[in-house]
PDB file of N, CA and C in Angstrom:
ATOM      1  N   MET A   1     -20.253   3.628  20.315  1.00  0.00           N
ATOM      2  CA  MET A   1     -20.223   4.580  18.868  1.00  0.00           C
ATOM      3  C   MET A   1     -18.616   4.821  19.375  1.00  0.00           C
ATOM      4  N   LYS A   2     -17.662   5.047  19.887  1.00  0.00           N
ATOM      5  CA  LYS A   2     -16.676   5.895  19.885  1.00  0.00           C
ATOM      6  C   LYS A   2     -15.445   4.924  19.944  1.00  0.00           C
ATOM      7  N   LYS A   3     -15.973   3.688  20.304  1.00  0.00           N
ATOM      8  CA  LYS A   3     -14.690   2.707  19.483  1.00  0.00           C
ATOM      9  C   LYS A   3     -14.401   2.400  18.563  1.00  0.00           C
ATOM     10  N   ASN A   4     -15.581   2.541  17.896  1.00  0.00           N
ATOM     11  CA  ASN A   4     -15.754   2.246  16.461  1.00  0.00           C
ATOM     12  C   ASN A   4     -15.221   3.760  15.537  1.00  0.00           C
ATOM     13  N   LEU A   5     -15.487   5.214  16.091  1.00  0.00           N
ATOM     14  CA  LEU A   5     -15.113   6.451  15.243  1.00  0.00           C
ATOM     15  C   LEU A   5     -13.064   6.274  15.675  1.00  0.00           C
ATOM     16  N   PHE A   6     -12.473   5.830  16.858  1.00  0.00           N
ATOM     17  CA  PHE A   6     -11.782   5.716  17.123  1.00  0.00           C
ATOM     18  C   PHE A   6     -10.751   4.506  16.404  1.00  0.00           C
ATOM     19  N   ALA A   7     -11.081   3.156  15.973  1.00  0.00           N
ATOM     20  CA  ALA A   7     -10.682   2.135  15.439  1.00  0.00           C
ATOM     21  C   ALA A   7     -10.557   2.894  13.611  1.00  0.00           C
ATOM     22  N   LEU A   8     -11.618   3.485  13.691  1.00  0.00           N
ATOM     23  CA  LEU A   8     -11.720   4.330  11.857  1.00  0.00           C
ATOM     24  C   LEU A   8     -10.574   5.431  11.929  1.00  0.00           C
ATOM     25  N   ALA A   9     -10.579   5.801  13.041  1.00  0.00           N
ATOM     26  CA  ALA A   9      -9.357   7.280  12.894  1.00  0.00           C
ATOM     27  C   ALA A   9      -7.965   6.389  12.998  1.00  0.00           C
ATOM     28  N   ALA A  10      -7.746   5.463  13.911  1.00  0.00           N
ATOM     29  CA  ALA A  10      -6.288   5.271  13.597  1.00  0.00           C
ATOM     30  C   ALA A  10      -6.634   4.396  12.353  1.00  0.00           C
ATOM     31  N   PHE A  11      -6.635   3.255  11.817  1.00  0.00           N
ATOM     32  CA  PHE A  11      -7.025   2.874  10.310  1.00  0.00           C
ATOM     33  C   PHE A  11      -6.191   3.937   9.887  1.00  0.00           C
ATOM     34  N   ALA A  12      -7.420   5.315   9.744  1.00  0.00           N
ATOM     35  CA  ALA A  12      -6.619   6.006   9.080  1.00  0.00           C
ATOM     36  C   ALA A  12      -5.580   7.128   8.955  1.00  0.00           C
ATOM     37  N   VAL A  13      -4.624   6.821   9.669  1.00  0.00           N
ATOM     38  CA  VAL A  13      -3.318   7.410  10.012  1.00  0.00           C
ATOM     39  C   VAL A  13      -2.299   6.532   9.705  1.00  0.00           C
ATOM     40  N   LEU A  14      -2.997   5.066   9.991  1.00  0.00           N
ATOM     41  CA  LEU A  14      -2.131   4.000   9.633  1.00  0.00           C
ATOM     42  C   LEU A  14      -1.444   3.559   8.495  1.00  0.00           C
ATOM     43  N   SER A  15      -3.095   3.977   7.379  1.00  0.00           N
ATOM     44  CA  SER A  15      -2.596   4.077   5.562  1.00  0.00           C
ATOM     45  C   SER A  15      -2.251   5.127   5.255  1.00  0.00           C
ATOM     46  N   PHE A  16      -1.988   6.446   5.767  1.00  0.00           N
ATOM     47  CA  PHE A  16      -1.535   7.556   5.272  1.00  0.00           C
ATOM     48  C   PHE A  16      -0.348   7.195   5.650  1.00  0.00           C
ATOM     49  N   SER A  17      -0.042   7.218   6.753  1.00  0.00           N
ATOM     50  CA  SER A  17       1.878   7.170   7.182  1.00  0.00           C
ATOM     51  C   SER A  17       2.381   6.511   6.170  1.00  0.00           C
ATOM     52  N   SER A  18       3.979   6.792   5.863  1.00  0.00           N
ATOM     53  CA  SER A  18       5.094   6.381   4.961  1.00  0.00           C
ATOM     54  C   SER A  18       5.463   4.965   5.243  1.00  0.00           C
ATOM     55  N   CYS A  19       5.719   4.486   4.809  1.00  0.00           N
ATOM     56  CA  CYS A  19       6.349   2.506   4.458  1.00  0.00           C
ATOM     57  C   CYS A  19       7.172   2.473   4.430  1.00  0.00           C
ATOM     58  N   LYS A  20       8.759   2.162   5.242  1.00  0.00           N
ATOM     59  CA  LYS A  20       9.735   2.169   4.112  1.00  0.00           C
ATOM     60  C   LYS A  20      10.159   0.549   4.275  1.00  0.00           C
ATOM     61  N   LYS A  21      10.431   0.831   3.009  1.00  0.00           N
ATOM     62  CA  LYS A  21      10.881  -0.941   2.578  1.00  0.00           C
ATOM     63  C   LYS A  21      12.442  -0.392   1.813  1.00  0.00           C
ATOM     64  N   ASP A  22      12.596  -1.883   1.160  1.00  0.00           N
ATOM     65  CA  ASP A  22      13.545  -1.784   0.131  1.00  0.00           C
ATOM     66  C   ASP A  22      12.883  -1.929  -1.129  1.00  0.00           C
ATOM     67  N   TRP A  23      14.076  -0.824  -1.959  1.00  0.00           N
ATOM     68  CA  TRP A  23      13.863   0.043  -2.963  1.00  0.00           C
ATOM     69  C   TRP A  23      15.085  -0.836  -3.951  1.00  0.00           C
ATOM     70  N   THR A  24      14.565  -0.951  -5.620  1.00  0.00           N
ATOM     71  CA  THR A  24      15.399  -1.029  -6.551  1.00  0.00           C
ATOM     72  C   THR A  24      15.413   0.448  -7.312  1.00  0.00           C
ATOM     73  N   CYS A  25      16.862   0.966  -7.673  1.00  0.00           N
ATOM     74  CA  CYS A  25      17.239   1.602  -8.837  1.00  0.00           C
ATOM     75  C   CYS A  25      17.745   1.491  -9.909  1.00  0.00           C
ATOM     76  N   HIS A  26      16.929   1.761 -11.269  1.00  0.00           N
ATOM     77  CA  HIS A  26      17.685   1.247 -12.404  1.00  0.00           C
ATOM     78  C   HIS A  26      17.644   2.143 -13.271  1.00  0.00           C
ATOM     79  N   CYS A  27      19.240   2.462 -13.686  1.00  0.00           N
ATOM     80  CA  CYS A  27      19.835   2.996 -14.200  1.00  0.00           C
ATOM     81  C   CYS A  27      20.371   2.740 -15.974  1.00  0.00           C
ATOM     82  N   THR A  28      19.776   3.194 -16.656  1.00  0.00           N
ATOM     83  CA  THR A  28      19.937   2.973 -18.239  1.00  0.00           C
ATOM     84  C   THR A  28      20.992   3.876 -18.818  1.00  0.00           C
ATOM     85  N   TYR A  29      22.072   3.878 -19.497  1.00  0.00           N
ATOM     86  CA  TYR A  29      22.892   4.730 -20.517  1.00  0.00           C
ATOM     87  C   TYR A  29      23.035   4.194 -21.636  1.00  0.00           C
ATOM     88  N   THR A  30      23.133   5.171 -22.626  1.00  0.00           N
ATOM     89  CA  THR A  30      23.325   4.921 -23.965  1.00  0.00           C
ATOM     90  C   THR A  30      23.756   5.889 -24.869  1.00  0.00           C
ATOM     91  N   ASP A  31      25.293   5.202 -24.935  1.00  0.00           N
ATOM     92  CA  ASP A  31      26.029   5.866 -25.985  1.00  0.00           C
ATOM     93  C   ASP A  31      25.969   6.857 -27.164  1.00  0.00           C
ATOM     94  N   PRO A  32      25.479   8.230 -26.927  1.00  0.00           N
ATOM     95  CA  PRO A  32      24.990   8.627 -28.544  1.00  0.00           C
ATOM     96  C   PRO A  32      26.110   8.345 -29.617  1.00  0.00           C
ATOM     97  N   PHE A  33      26.650   8.347 -29.841  1.00  0.00           N
ATOM     98  CA  PHE A  33      27.582   7.691 -30.429  1.00  0.00           C
ATOM     99  C   PHE A  33      27.577   6.265 -30.976  1.00  0.00           C
ATOM    100  N   SER A  34      28.119   5.440 -30.318  1.00  0.00           N
ATOM    101  CA  SER A  34      27.987   4.122 -31.092  1.00  0.00           C
ATOM    102  C   SER A  34      26.570   3.516 -30.762  1.00  0.00           C
ATOM    103  N   GLY A  35      25.933   3.973 -29.728  1.00  0.00           N
ATOM    104  CA  GLY A  35      24.635   3.507 -29.943  1.00  0.00           C
ATOM    105  C   GLY A  35      24.485   2.094 -28.808  1.00  0.00           C
ATOM    106  N   SER A  36      25.603   1.823 -28.442  1.00  0.00           N
ATOM    107  CA  SER A  36      25.996   0.893 -27.301  1.00  0.00           C
ATOM    108  C   SER A  36      25.536   1.662 -25.685  1.00  0.00           C
ATOM    109  N   GLY A  37      24.954   0.783 -24.752  1.00  0.00           N
ATOM    110  CA  GLY A  37      24.056   0.939 -23.795  1.00  0.00           C
ATOM    111  C   GLY A  37      24.777   0.244 -22.706  1.00  0.00           C
ATOM    112  N   ALA A  38      24.522   0.247 -21.541  1.00  0.00           N
ATOM    113  CA  ALA A  38      24.568   0.005 -20.557  1.00  0.00           C
ATOM    114  C   ALA A  38      23.245  -0.077 -19.193  1.00  0.00           C
ATOM    115  N   THR A  39      23.404  -0.716 -18.292  1.00  0.00           N
ATOM    116  CA  THR A  39      22.486  -0.922 -17.226  1.00  0.00           C
ATOM    117  C   THR A  39      22.623  -0.875 -15.921  1.00  0.00           C
ATOM    118  N   ILE A  40      22.433  -0.497 -15.052  1.00  0.00           N
ATOM    119  CA  ILE A  40      22.848  -0.890 -13.584  1.00  0.00           C
ATOM    120  C   ILE A  40      22.049  -0.537 -12.736  1.00  0.00           C
ATOM    121  N   ASP A  41      21.871  -1.669 -11.314  1.00  0.00           N
ATOM    122  CA  ASP A  41      20.992  -2.043 -10.782  1.00  0.00           C
ATOM    123  C   ASP A  41      21.323  -1.236  -8.892  1.00  0.00           C
ATOM    124  N   TYR A  42      20.849  -0.467  -8.459  1.00  0.00           N
ATOM    125  CA  TYR A  42      21.581  -0.429  -7.317  1.00  0.00           C
ATOM    126  C   TYR A  42      19.905  -0.429  -6.272  1.00  0.00           C
ATOM    127  N   ALA A  43      20.438  -1.379  -5.041  1.00  0.00           N
ATOM    128  CA  ALA A  43      19.390  -1.307  -3.633  1.00  0.00           C
ATOM    129  C   ALA A  43      19.648  -0.325  -3.066  1.00  0.00           C
ATOM    130  N   ILE A  44      18.237   0.656  -2.672  1.00  0.00           N
ATOM    131  CA  ILE A  44      17.954   0.892  -1.584  1.00  0.00           C
ATOM    132  C   ILE A  44      17.828   0.654  -0.910  1.00  0.00           C
ATOM    133  N   LYS A  45      18.406   0.596   0.700  1.00  0.00           N
ATOM    134  CA  LYS A  45      17.587   0.151   1.583  1.00  0.00           C
ATOM    135  C   LYS A  45      16.622   0.548   2.807  1.00  0.00           C
ATOM    136  N   ASN A  46      15.680   0.677   3.223  1.00  0.00           N
ATOM    137  CA  ASN A  46      14.122   0.791   4.297  1.00  0.00           C
ATOM    138  C   ASN A  46      14.598   1.922   4.209  1.00  0.00           C
ATOM    139  N   SER A  47      13.671   2.553   2.918  1.00  0.00           N
ATOM    140  CA  SER A  47      13.761   3.910   2.981  1.00  0.00           C
ATOM    141  C   SER A  47      11.998   4.035   2.445  1.00  0.00           C
ATOM    142  N   THR A  48      11.604   5.154   2.961  1.00  0.00           N
ATOM    143  CA  THR A  48      10.920   5.854   2.219  1.00  0.00           C
ATOM    144  C   THR A  48      10.560   6.312   0.540  1.00  0.00           C
ATOM    145  N   GLN A  49       9.497   6.142   0.184  1.00  0.00           N
ATOM    146  CA  GLN A  49       9.491   6.272  -1.674  1.00  0.00           C
ATOM    147  C   GLN A  49       9.972   7.611  -1.791  1.00  0.00           C
ATOM    148  N   SER A  50       9.933   8.518  -0.850  1.00  0.00           N
ATOM    149  CA  SER A  50      10.081   9.597  -1.662  1.00  0.00           C
ATOM    150  C   SER A  50      12.040   9.473  -1.648  1.00  0.00           C
ATOM    151  N   ASP A  51      12.301   8.908  -0.363  1.00  0.00           N
ATOM    152  CA  ASP A  51      13.436   9.087   0.211  1.00  0.00           C
ATOM    153  C   ASP A  51      14.412   8.826  -0.939  1.00  0.00           C
ATOM    154  N   ALA A  52      14.129   7.512  -1.507  1.00  0.00           N
ATOM    155  CA  ALA A  52      14.547   6.761  -2.395  1.00  0.00           C
ATOM    156  C   ALA A  52      14.774   7.286  -4.127  1.00  0.00           C
ATOM    157  N   LYS A  53      12.963   7.841  -4.133  1.00  0.00           N
ATOM    158  CA  LYS A  53      13.719   8.807  -5.258  1.00  0.00           C
ATOM    159  C   LYS A  53      15.017   9.800  -5.368  1.00  0.00           C
ATOM    160  N   ASN A  54      14.536  10.288  -4.027  1.00  0.00           N
ATOM    161  CA  ASN A  54      15.757  11.447  -4.294  1.00  0.00           C
ATOM    162  C   ASN A  54      17.343  10.705  -4.256  1.00  0.00           C
ATOM    163  N   SER A  55      17.654   9.301  -4.040  1.00  0.00           N
ATOM    164  CA  SER A  55      18.523   8.825  -3.854  1.00  0.00           C
ATOM    165  C   SER A  55      18.834   8.393  -4.866  1.00  0.00           C
ATOM    166  N   CYS A  56      17.551   8.052  -6.054  1.00  0.00           N
ATOM    167  CA  CYS A  56      18.231   7.670  -7.349  1.00  0.00           C
ATOM    168  C   CYS A  56      18.334   8.238  -8.879  1.00  0.00           C
ATOM    169  N   ASN A  57      17.730   9.815  -8.396  1.00  0.00           N
ATOM    170  CA  ASN A  57      18.172  10.812  -8.805  1.00  0.00           C
ATOM    171  C   ASN A  57      19.581  11.458  -8.422  1.00  0.00           C
ATOM    172  N   ASN A  58      20.122  10.861  -7.179  1.00  0.00           N
ATOM    173  CA  ASN A  58      21.688  11.132  -6.699  1.00  0.00           C
ATOM    174  C   ASN A  58      22.544  10.564  -8.148  1.00  0.00           C
ATOM    175  N   TYR A  59      21.725   9.171  -8.109  1.00  0.00           N
ATOM    176  CA  TYR A  59      22.935   8.230  -8.943  1.00  0.00           C
ATOM    177  C   TYR A  59      23.079   8.784 -10.586  1.00  0.00           C
ATOM    178  N   ALA A  60      22.233   9.381 -11.047  1.00  0.00           N
ATOM    179  CA  ALA A  60      21.686  10.153 -12.254  1.00  0.00           C
ATOM    180  C   ALA A  60      22.833  10.542 -13.215  1.00  0.00           C
ATOM    181  N   THR A  61      24.708  11.011 -12.142  1.00  0.00           N
ATOM    182  CA  THR A  61      25.607  10.805 -13.239  1.00  0.00           C
ATOM    183  C   THR A  61      26.779  10.136 -12.426  1.00  0.00           C
ATOM    184  N   VAL A  62      26.551   9.302 -13.156  1.00  0.00           N
ATOM    185  CA  VAL A  62      27.985   8.227 -12.388  1.00  0.00           C
ATOM    186  C   VAL A  62      28.959   8.355 -13.566  1.00  0.00           C
ATOM    187  N   GLY A  63      29.933   9.161 -12.944  1.00  0.00           N
ATOM    188  CA  GLY A  63      31.716   9.036 -13.374  1.00  0.00           C
ATOM    189  C   GLY A  63      31.580  10.069 -14.722  1.00  0.00           C
ATOM    190  N   GLY A  64      30.348  11.482 -14.861  1.00  0.00           N
ATOM    191  CA  GLY A  64      30.655  12.121 -15.421  1.00  0.00           C
ATOM    192  C   GLY A  64      30.009  11.954 -16.645  1.00  0.00           C
ATOM    193  N   VAL A  65      28.902  10.800 -16.130  1.00  0.00           N
ATOM    194  CA  VAL A  65      28.103  10.519 -17.720  1.00  0.00           C
ATOM    195  C   VAL A  65      26.151  10.760 -16.950  1.00  0.00           C
ATOM    196  N   SER A  66      25.669  11.046 -17.369  1.00  0.00           N
ATOM    197  CA  SER A  66      24.514  11.198 -17.146  1.00  0.00           C
ATOM    198  C   SER A  66      23.908   9.729 -17.698  1.00  0.00           C
ATOM    199  N   TRP A  67      22.617   9.197 -16.725  1.00  0.00           N
ATOM    200  CA  TRP A  67      22.143   7.667 -16.735  1.00  0.00           C
ATOM    201  C   TRP A  67      20.556   8.414 -16.657  1.00  0.00           C
ATOM    202  N   SER A  68      20.245   7.765 -17.059  1.00  0.00           N
ATOM    203  CA  SER A  68      18.216   7.471 -17.125  1.00  0.00           C
ATOM    204  C   SER A  68      17.870   6.937 -16.174  1.00  0.00           C
ATOM    205  N   CYS A  69      17.103   7.153 -14.675  1.00  0.00           N
ATOM    206  CA  CYS A  69      17.277   6.944 -13.560  1.00  0.00           C
ATOM    207  C   CYS A  69      15.477   6.783 -12.877  1.00  0.00           C
ATOM    208  N   GLY A  70      15.708   5.531 -12.535  1.00  0.00           N
ATOM    209  CA  GLY A  70      14.267   5.354 -12.022  1.00  0.00           C
ATOM    210  C   GLY A  70      13.571   4.133 -11.053  1.00  0.00           C
ATOM    211  N   LEU A  71      13.060   4.214 -10.292  1.00  0.00           N
ATOM    212  CA  LEU A  71      12.563   3.531  -9.420  1.00  0.00           C
ATOM    213  C   LEU A  71      11.892   2.405 -10.079  1.00  0.00           C
ATOM    214  N   LYS A  72      12.480   0.957  -9.676  1.00  0.00           N
ATOM    215  CA  LYS A  72      11.503   0.011  -9.873  1.00  0.00           C
ATOM    216  C   LYS A  72      10.867  -0.931  -8.781  1.00  0.00           C
TER     217      LYS A  72
END
């Protein structure tokens, strides 16, 4: 019984831990005057999801232009 409880507890801890992996930050921009647009993808390597979101949000202003960015 104790072994089963220990195994269950170990599984629960591992399943709730944050996994690091590679993410893609996808950013789009539409020029409000001409209607033309652009997209850029940035690779975010070996990061947790919350860290990748923070990094992706840092790309939202590139070259003084506001982009719409999100994880893919």
